N, C-alpha and C. Protein backbone atom coordinates (compact mmCIF):
# COMPACT_ATOMS: atom_id res chain seq x y z
N MET A 1 119.11 101.16 86.47
CA MET A 1 118.34 101.52 87.64
C MET A 1 117.42 100.37 87.99
N PHE A 2 117.32 100.05 89.29
CA PHE A 2 116.51 98.94 89.75
C PHE A 2 115.23 99.46 90.38
N ALA A 3 114.14 98.73 90.16
CA ALA A 3 112.86 99.10 90.78
C ALA A 3 112.87 98.61 92.22
N SER A 4 112.30 99.39 93.12
CA SER A 4 112.22 98.94 94.50
C SER A 4 111.13 97.89 94.64
N VAL A 5 111.35 97.01 95.56
CA VAL A 5 110.38 95.93 95.75
C VAL A 5 109.92 95.90 97.19
N GLY A 6 108.68 95.45 97.38
CA GLY A 6 108.10 95.34 98.71
C GLY A 6 108.18 93.92 99.20
N PRO A 7 107.34 93.58 100.18
CA PRO A 7 107.35 92.23 100.72
C PRO A 7 107.09 91.19 99.63
N ARG A 8 107.75 90.05 99.77
CA ARG A 8 107.61 88.92 98.85
C ARG A 8 108.02 89.25 97.42
N GLY A 9 108.83 90.27 97.25
CA GLY A 9 109.37 90.58 95.94
C GLY A 9 108.44 91.36 95.03
N GLY A 10 107.25 91.69 95.47
CA GLY A 10 106.31 92.45 94.64
C GLY A 10 106.68 93.92 94.65
N PRO A 11 106.04 94.70 93.82
CA PRO A 11 106.34 96.13 93.80
C PRO A 11 105.89 96.78 95.10
N ARG A 12 106.65 97.75 95.53
CA ARG A 12 106.33 98.49 96.75
C ARG A 12 105.10 99.35 96.48
N PRO A 13 104.13 99.38 97.40
CA PRO A 13 102.95 100.21 97.17
C PRO A 13 103.33 101.68 97.13
N PRO A 14 102.58 102.48 96.38
CA PRO A 14 102.91 103.90 96.29
C PRO A 14 102.74 104.56 97.64
N ALA A 15 103.51 105.60 97.87
CA ALA A 15 103.42 106.34 99.12
C ALA A 15 102.03 106.97 99.24
N ALA A 16 101.54 107.03 100.47
CA ALA A 16 100.22 107.61 100.70
C ALA A 16 100.26 109.10 100.34
N PRO A 17 99.19 109.61 99.77
CA PRO A 17 99.17 111.03 99.44
C PRO A 17 99.21 111.86 100.72
N ALA A 18 99.80 113.03 100.61
CA ALA A 18 99.90 113.91 101.77
C ALA A 18 98.50 114.29 102.26
N ILE A 19 98.34 114.24 103.57
CA ILE A 19 97.05 114.59 104.16
C ILE A 19 97.02 116.09 104.36
N PRO A 20 95.97 116.75 103.87
CA PRO A 20 95.90 118.21 104.05
C PRO A 20 95.73 118.55 105.53
N GLU A 21 96.26 119.69 105.90
CA GLU A 21 96.13 120.13 107.29
C GLU A 21 94.66 120.36 107.61
N PRO A 22 94.20 119.86 108.77
CA PRO A 22 92.79 120.04 109.13
C PRO A 22 92.52 121.49 109.55
N ASP A 23 91.26 121.88 109.46
CA ASP A 23 90.83 123.21 109.90
C ASP A 23 90.71 123.18 111.42
N LEU A 24 91.60 123.85 112.09
CA LEU A 24 91.62 123.86 113.55
C LEU A 24 91.16 125.20 114.12
N SER A 25 90.57 126.02 113.29
CA SER A 25 90.21 127.38 113.71
C SER A 25 89.16 127.40 114.82
N HIS A 26 88.37 126.37 114.94
CA HIS A 26 87.31 126.33 115.95
C HIS A 26 87.81 125.81 117.30
N LEU A 27 89.09 125.43 117.39
CA LEU A 27 89.65 124.88 118.62
C LEU A 27 90.40 125.95 119.42
N THR A 28 90.62 125.65 120.68
CA THR A 28 91.41 126.56 121.50
C THR A 28 92.88 126.42 121.10
N GLU A 29 93.69 127.38 121.52
CA GLU A 29 95.11 127.33 121.18
C GLU A 29 95.76 126.08 121.76
N GLU A 30 95.38 125.71 122.98
CA GLU A 30 95.93 124.50 123.60
C GLU A 30 95.58 123.25 122.79
N GLU A 31 94.33 123.15 122.35
CA GLU A 31 93.90 121.99 121.55
C GLU A 31 94.64 121.94 120.21
N ARG A 32 94.81 123.13 119.59
CA ARG A 32 95.56 123.20 118.32
C ARG A 32 96.99 122.73 118.51
N ASP A 33 97.62 123.16 119.61
CA ASP A 33 99.01 122.77 119.88
C ASP A 33 99.13 121.25 120.05
N ILE A 34 98.16 120.66 120.74
CA ILE A 34 98.19 119.21 120.95
C ILE A 34 98.07 118.48 119.61
N ILE A 35 97.11 118.89 118.79
CA ILE A 35 96.88 118.23 117.50
C ILE A 35 98.07 118.43 116.58
N MET A 36 98.64 119.61 116.55
CA MET A 36 99.79 119.86 115.69
C MET A 36 100.99 119.03 116.14
N ALA A 37 101.15 118.84 117.45
CA ALA A 37 102.24 118.00 117.95
C ALA A 37 102.05 116.55 117.51
N VAL A 38 100.81 116.06 117.55
CA VAL A 38 100.53 114.69 117.11
C VAL A 38 100.82 114.55 115.62
N LEU A 39 100.40 115.52 114.82
CA LEU A 39 100.65 115.49 113.38
C LEU A 39 102.15 115.52 113.08
N ALA A 40 102.90 116.31 113.85
CA ALA A 40 104.35 116.38 113.65
C ALA A 40 104.99 115.04 113.97
N ARG A 41 104.55 114.38 115.06
CA ARG A 41 105.09 113.06 115.40
C ARG A 41 104.76 112.05 114.31
N GLN A 42 103.55 112.15 113.75
CA GLN A 42 103.17 111.23 112.66
C GLN A 42 104.10 111.41 111.47
N ARG A 43 104.39 112.65 111.10
CA ARG A 43 105.28 112.91 109.96
C ARG A 43 106.68 112.35 110.25
N GLU A 44 107.16 112.51 111.50
CA GLU A 44 108.47 111.99 111.86
C GLU A 44 108.50 110.47 111.73
N GLU A 45 107.47 109.80 112.22
CA GLU A 45 107.41 108.34 112.14
C GLU A 45 107.35 107.87 110.69
N GLU A 46 106.58 108.57 109.86
CA GLU A 46 106.50 108.21 108.44
C GLU A 46 107.85 108.39 107.77
N ALA A 47 108.58 109.44 108.13
CA ALA A 47 109.90 109.67 107.56
C ALA A 47 110.86 108.57 107.99
N LYS A 48 110.77 108.12 109.26
CA LYS A 48 111.61 107.02 109.74
C LYS A 48 111.29 105.74 108.98
N ASP A 49 110.00 105.47 108.81
CA ASP A 49 109.59 104.27 108.07
C ASP A 49 110.12 104.28 106.65
N GLU A 50 110.00 105.42 105.99
CA GLU A 50 110.47 105.54 104.61
C GLU A 50 111.98 105.35 104.54
N ALA A 51 112.71 105.92 105.50
CA ALA A 51 114.17 105.76 105.51
C ALA A 51 114.54 104.31 105.75
N MET A 52 113.79 103.63 106.62
CA MET A 52 114.07 102.23 106.90
C MET A 52 113.81 101.37 105.66
N LEU A 53 112.75 101.67 104.92
CA LEU A 53 112.46 100.92 103.71
C LEU A 53 113.53 101.12 102.65
N LYS A 54 114.08 102.32 102.56
CA LYS A 54 115.13 102.59 101.59
C LYS A 54 116.40 101.83 101.93
N GLU A 55 116.66 101.61 103.23
CA GLU A 55 117.86 100.90 103.65
C GLU A 55 117.67 99.39 103.66
N GLU A 56 116.46 98.92 103.47
CA GLU A 56 116.16 97.49 103.55
C GLU A 56 117.00 96.71 102.54
N LYS A 57 117.61 95.65 103.01
CA LYS A 57 118.43 94.82 102.15
C LYS A 57 117.69 93.51 101.89
N PRO A 58 117.87 92.94 100.71
CA PRO A 58 117.17 91.68 100.41
C PRO A 58 117.69 90.55 101.29
N ILE A 59 116.81 89.63 101.60
CA ILE A 59 117.16 88.47 102.41
C ILE A 59 117.71 87.39 101.48
N GLN A 60 118.84 86.81 101.85
CA GLN A 60 119.42 85.75 101.04
C GLN A 60 119.11 84.41 101.67
N ALA A 61 118.70 83.46 100.85
CA ALA A 61 118.39 82.12 101.33
C ALA A 61 119.69 81.37 101.60
N ARG A 62 119.68 80.55 102.65
CA ARG A 62 120.83 79.73 102.98
C ARG A 62 120.36 78.31 103.25
N THR A 63 121.23 77.37 102.99
CA THR A 63 120.96 75.98 103.33
C THR A 63 121.49 75.74 104.73
N VAL A 64 120.67 75.13 105.57
CA VAL A 64 121.06 74.88 106.95
C VAL A 64 121.04 73.37 107.18
N ASN A 65 122.12 72.83 107.72
CA ASN A 65 122.17 71.42 108.09
C ASN A 65 121.66 71.29 109.52
N LEU A 66 120.66 70.46 109.71
CA LEU A 66 120.10 70.26 111.03
C LEU A 66 120.91 69.23 111.78
N VAL A 67 121.18 69.50 113.03
CA VAL A 67 121.96 68.58 113.86
C VAL A 67 121.13 67.34 114.14
N GLY A 68 121.76 66.16 114.01
CA GLY A 68 121.07 64.91 114.32
C GLY A 68 120.24 64.36 113.17
N GLN A 69 120.15 65.05 112.09
CA GLN A 69 119.38 64.56 110.95
C GLN A 69 120.29 63.71 110.08
N LYS A 70 119.82 62.50 109.78
CA LYS A 70 120.59 61.62 108.91
C LYS A 70 119.82 61.42 107.62
N LYS A 71 120.58 61.22 106.57
CA LYS A 71 119.94 60.98 105.27
C LYS A 71 119.31 59.59 105.29
N PRO A 72 118.16 59.41 104.66
CA PRO A 72 117.54 58.07 104.61
C PRO A 72 118.44 57.14 103.81
N PRO A 73 118.44 55.85 104.19
CA PRO A 73 119.30 54.91 103.45
C PRO A 73 118.87 54.81 102.00
N THR A 74 119.84 54.68 101.13
CA THR A 74 119.54 54.53 99.71
C THR A 74 119.14 53.10 99.43
N GLN A 75 118.25 52.93 98.48
CA GLN A 75 117.77 51.58 98.12
C GLN A 75 118.47 51.13 96.85
N ASN A 76 119.00 49.93 96.89
CA ASN A 76 119.69 49.37 95.73
C ASN A 76 118.89 48.16 95.25
N ASP A 77 117.64 48.38 94.86
CA ASP A 77 116.75 47.29 94.43
C ASP A 77 116.92 46.95 92.96
N VAL A 78 117.76 47.61 92.23
CA VAL A 78 117.86 47.38 90.80
C VAL A 78 118.63 46.15 90.47
């Protein structure tokens, strides 16, 4: 089993603890609906982020030859 890694190869930070539902009893039904919709969108975005992190593939380094670049002349001073 492999450990998951975050940016720059370090360990991925632990997931944020679940935020408890706020007390909305003092709000109107319309205000509660708006806040609950925002909280639901937040949970959806967090789920998308987590899914994207799970699918993340490591980046492989490649050597690239630059066009027009010539190697410096070698010196044969010996």
